[in-house]
Amino acid sequence: MHLKVTQPQQPFTSARIRPKVGIDNLITLAVDLSEEQCQTVKEIGFQSIFGYKVTCVPTTLANWLVSNYNPDACVLNVGGGRLIEITSELVKRVFELPMGPTDLVEKKKANKKKDVVVQEFRNQFEHTDTKRLSPLQLMRYVLDTHDHGRPFFMNFLILYFSLLGETTTSNKVNVR
């Protein structure tokens, strides 16, 4: 398949992206999980986090990647007319993620009244505004509760998605 350059390649500059929460938090989580929680992570297919060695992404590299990635075409323009197609299969292979037959649909807004999973998540935090819950707060909660059932499963996936999937600029967990 021939890919077509749809946007010019941006040169590498000293511009930076300043992430609010780094990947090192996911590694900290993996190290500090209980044996039961580790087993649950393995059962749901995310055992690759126990082998992650990258503790940060250079902020100038992150800026270059974002500047040269075309989300509409799912391609990274590396210059000289060369493009790298970023497919779900490639992401799955690189991060060793599980990829089952069910497509996940992102919602524009998490609605506690209409979505039972969002309601279940938010009900864990009766005295906390979950719209302001940071990944670090959720990570501490997961580690402090030692739960390894459905709430852990849900919280782990929200943390993973918030730290590596679609991060937010507001340093809040992404429950969509």
Protein backbone atom coordinates (compact mmCIF):
# COMPACT_ATOMS: atom_id res chain seq x y z
CA MET A 1 0.00 0.00 0.00
CA HIS A 2 1.35 3.40 -0.99
CA LEU A 3 0.90 6.20 1.55
CA LYS A 4 0.57 9.77 0.38
CA VAL A 5 2.17 12.71 2.20
CA THR A 6 -0.73 14.85 3.37
CA GLN A 7 1.13 17.36 5.54
CA PRO A 8 4.69 18.66 5.38
CA GLN A 9 7.25 17.18 7.73
CA GLN A 10 8.07 19.54 10.58
CA PRO A 11 11.75 19.97 11.50
CA PHE A 12 13.04 18.92 14.89
CA THR A 13 13.19 21.99 17.14
CA SER A 14 13.77 22.73 20.78
CA ALA A 15 10.01 23.07 21.35
CA ARG A 16 8.73 20.81 24.09
CA ILE A 17 5.58 19.09 25.25
CA ARG A 18 5.23 19.23 29.00
CA PRO A 19 3.26 16.18 30.10
CA LYS A 20 1.36 16.51 33.36
CA VAL A 21 1.94 12.87 34.35
CA GLY A 22 4.67 10.62 32.99
CA ILE A 23 4.89 6.98 32.01
CA ASP A 24 7.05 6.42 35.09
CA ASN A 25 3.81 6.42 37.10
CA LEU A 26 2.65 3.33 35.22
CA ILE A 27 5.95 1.63 36.03
CA THR A 28 5.60 2.65 39.70
CA LEU A 29 2.10 1.17 39.71
CA ALA A 30 3.33 -2.10 38.18
CA VAL A 31 6.11 -2.43 40.77
CA ASP A 32 3.85 -1.69 43.74
CA LEU A 33 0.85 -3.89 42.86
CA SER A 34 -0.01 -6.77 45.20
CA GLU A 35 0.46 -10.34 43.96
CA GLU A 36 -3.30 -10.66 43.43
CA GLN A 37 -3.41 -7.41 41.46
CA CYS A 38 -0.45 -8.55 39.33
CA GLN A 39 -2.31 -11.77 38.59
CA THR A 40 -5.40 -9.82 37.50
CA VAL A 41 -3.24 -7.63 35.21
CA LYS A 42 -1.83 -10.81 33.62
CA GLU A 43 -5.30 -12.37 33.26
CA ILE A 44 -6.60 -9.35 31.33
CA GLY A 45 -3.59 -9.40 29.01
CA PHE A 46 -1.59 -6.37 30.17
CA GLN A 47 1.39 -8.30 31.58
CA SER A 48 3.72 -6.36 29.28
CA ILE A 49 3.68 -3.43 31.75
CA PHE A 50 5.88 -5.51 34.05
CA GLY A 51 8.62 -5.29 31.42
CA TYR A 52 8.36 -1.59 30.56
CA LYS A 53 11.77 0.04 30.95
CA VAL A 54 11.12 3.49 29.49
CA THR A 55 10.63 5.93 32.34
CA CYS A 56 10.22 9.08 30.27
CA VAL A 57 9.87 10.37 26.74
CA PRO A 58 12.12 13.32 25.87
CA THR A 59 9.84 16.32 25.60
CA THR A 60 11.41 17.61 22.38
CA LEU A 61 10.94 14.18 20.76
CA ALA A 62 7.32 14.11 21.95
CA ASN A 63 6.73 17.51 20.36
CA TRP A 64 8.28 16.36 17.08
CA LEU A 65 6.16 13.20 17.07
CA VAL A 66 2.95 15.11 17.71
CA SER A 67 3.84 17.74 15.10
CA ASN A 68 4.49 15.09 12.44
CA TYR A 69 1.65 12.70 13.18
CA ASN A 70 -1.49 13.00 11.08
CA PRO A 71 -4.33 11.47 13.10
CA ASP A 72 -6.75 11.56 10.16
CA ALA A 73 -4.44 9.48 7.96
CA CYS A 74 -2.81 7.59 10.90
CA VAL A 75 0.68 8.28 9.56
CA LEU A 76 3.90 9.69 10.94
CA ASN A 77 5.82 11.83 8.46
CA VAL A 78 9.53 11.18 9.12
CA GLY A 79 10.73 13.35 6.24
CA GLY A 80 12.16 12.67 2.80
CA GLY A 81 8.78 11.49 1.60
CA ARG A 82 8.84 8.59 4.09
CA LEU A 83 5.76 7.82 6.14
CA ILE A 84 5.13 5.28 8.86
CA GLU A 85 1.59 4.00 9.05
CA ILE A 86 0.47 3.77 12.67
CA THR A 87 -2.10 0.99 12.80
CA SER A 88 -3.88 -0.57 15.76
CA GLU A 89 -1.95 -3.77 14.98
CA LEU A 90 1.37 -1.90 15.20
CA VAL A 91 0.42 -0.33 18.53
CA LYS A 92 -0.69 -3.75 19.77
CA ARG A 93 2.66 -5.30 18.78
CA VAL A 94 4.83 -2.50 20.17
CA PHE A 95 3.09 -2.34 23.55
CA GLU A 96 2.07 -6.03 23.58
CA LEU A 97 -1.54 -5.10 24.26
CA PRO A 98 -4.50 -7.42 24.21
CA MET A 99 -6.81 -6.81 21.27
CA GLY A 100 -10.05 -8.73 21.38
CA PRO A 101 -13.00 -8.76 19.02
CA THR A 102 -14.91 -5.96 20.80
CA ASP A 103 -14.47 -2.43 19.52
CA LEU A 104 -14.41 0.22 22.24
CA VAL A 105 -16.28 3.38 21.43
CA GLU A 106 -15.08 6.61 22.99
CA LYS A 107 -17.79 8.86 24.29
CA LYS A 108 -17.62 12.62 23.88
CA LYS A 109 -18.49 13.05 27.54
CA ALA A 110 -18.72 10.59 30.41
CA ASN A 111 -22.28 10.70 31.74
CA LYS A 112 -22.81 9.28 35.22
CA LYS A 113 -26.59 9.19 34.81
CA LYS A 114 -26.60 7.26 31.53
CA ASP A 115 -23.53 5.03 31.77
CA VAL A 116 -23.52 2.36 34.50
CA VAL A 117 -19.74 1.85 34.25
CA VAL A 118 -19.05 5.57 34.74
CA GLN A 119 -21.51 5.52 37.63
CA GLU A 120 -19.76 2.50 39.17
CA PHE A 121 -16.38 4.21 38.81
CA ARG A 122 -17.51 7.50 40.33
CA ASN A 123 -19.40 5.82 43.18
CA GLN A 124 -16.06 4.56 44.55
CA PHE A 125 -15.18 8.16 45.38
CA GLU A 126 -18.16 9.46 47.34
CA HIS A 127 -16.29 12.42 48.83
CA THR A 128 -14.15 13.27 45.79
CA ASP A 129 -15.06 15.13 42.64
CA THR A 130 -14.10 12.50 40.05
CA LYS A 131 -14.02 15.16 37.34
CA ARG A 132 -10.91 16.45 39.13
CA LEU A 133 -9.36 13.06 39.96
CA SER A 134 -5.74 12.89 38.82
CA PRO A 135 -3.99 9.72 37.64
CA LEU A 136 -1.73 9.95 40.72
CA GLN A 137 -4.74 10.06 43.04
CA LEU A 138 -6.29 7.06 41.28
CA MET A 139 -2.98 5.19 41.41
CA ARG A 140 -2.70 5.79 45.17
CA TYR A 141 -6.29 4.62 45.62
CA VAL A 142 -5.62 1.40 43.67
CA LEU A 143 -2.49 0.67 45.68
CA ASP A 144 -4.11 1.53 49.03
CA THR A 145 -7.26 -0.57 48.54
CA HIS A 146 -5.46 -3.75 47.39
CA ASP A 147 -8.64 -4.71 45.54
CA HIS A 148 -8.10 -7.12 42.65
CA GLY A 149 -11.67 -7.66 41.44
CA ARG A 150 -13.90 -5.69 39.08
CA PRO A 151 -13.16 -2.26 40.64
CA PHE A 152 -9.41 -2.89 40.24
CA PHE A 153 -9.93 -4.04 36.65
CA MET A 154 -11.88 -0.86 35.85
CA ASN A 155 -9.46 1.46 37.70
CA PHE A 156 -6.42 -0.17 36.10
CA LEU A 157 -7.84 0.28 32.60
CA ILE A 158 -8.74 3.93 33.27
CA LEU A 159 -5.22 4.55 34.61
CA TYR A 160 -3.56 2.80 31.68
CA PHE A 161 -5.66 4.72 29.18
CA SER A 162 -5.09 8.02 31.01
CA LEU A 163 -1.31 7.53 31.14
CA LEU A 164 -0.61 5.89 27.76
CA GLY A 165 -3.76 6.12 25.71
CA GLU A 166 -5.40 9.49 25.52
CA THR A 167 -3.96 11.76 28.12
CA THR A 168 -5.66 15.00 29.01
CA THR A 169 -4.10 18.44 29.23
CA SER A 170 -5.80 18.98 32.58
CA ASN A 171 -4.00 16.16 34.45
CA LYS A 172 -7.26 14.34 35.14
CA VAL A 173 -8.17 10.73 34.53
CA ASN A 174 -9.97 10.06 31.29
CA VAL A 175 -13.15 8.05 31.92
CA ARG A 176 -14.57 8.35 28.42
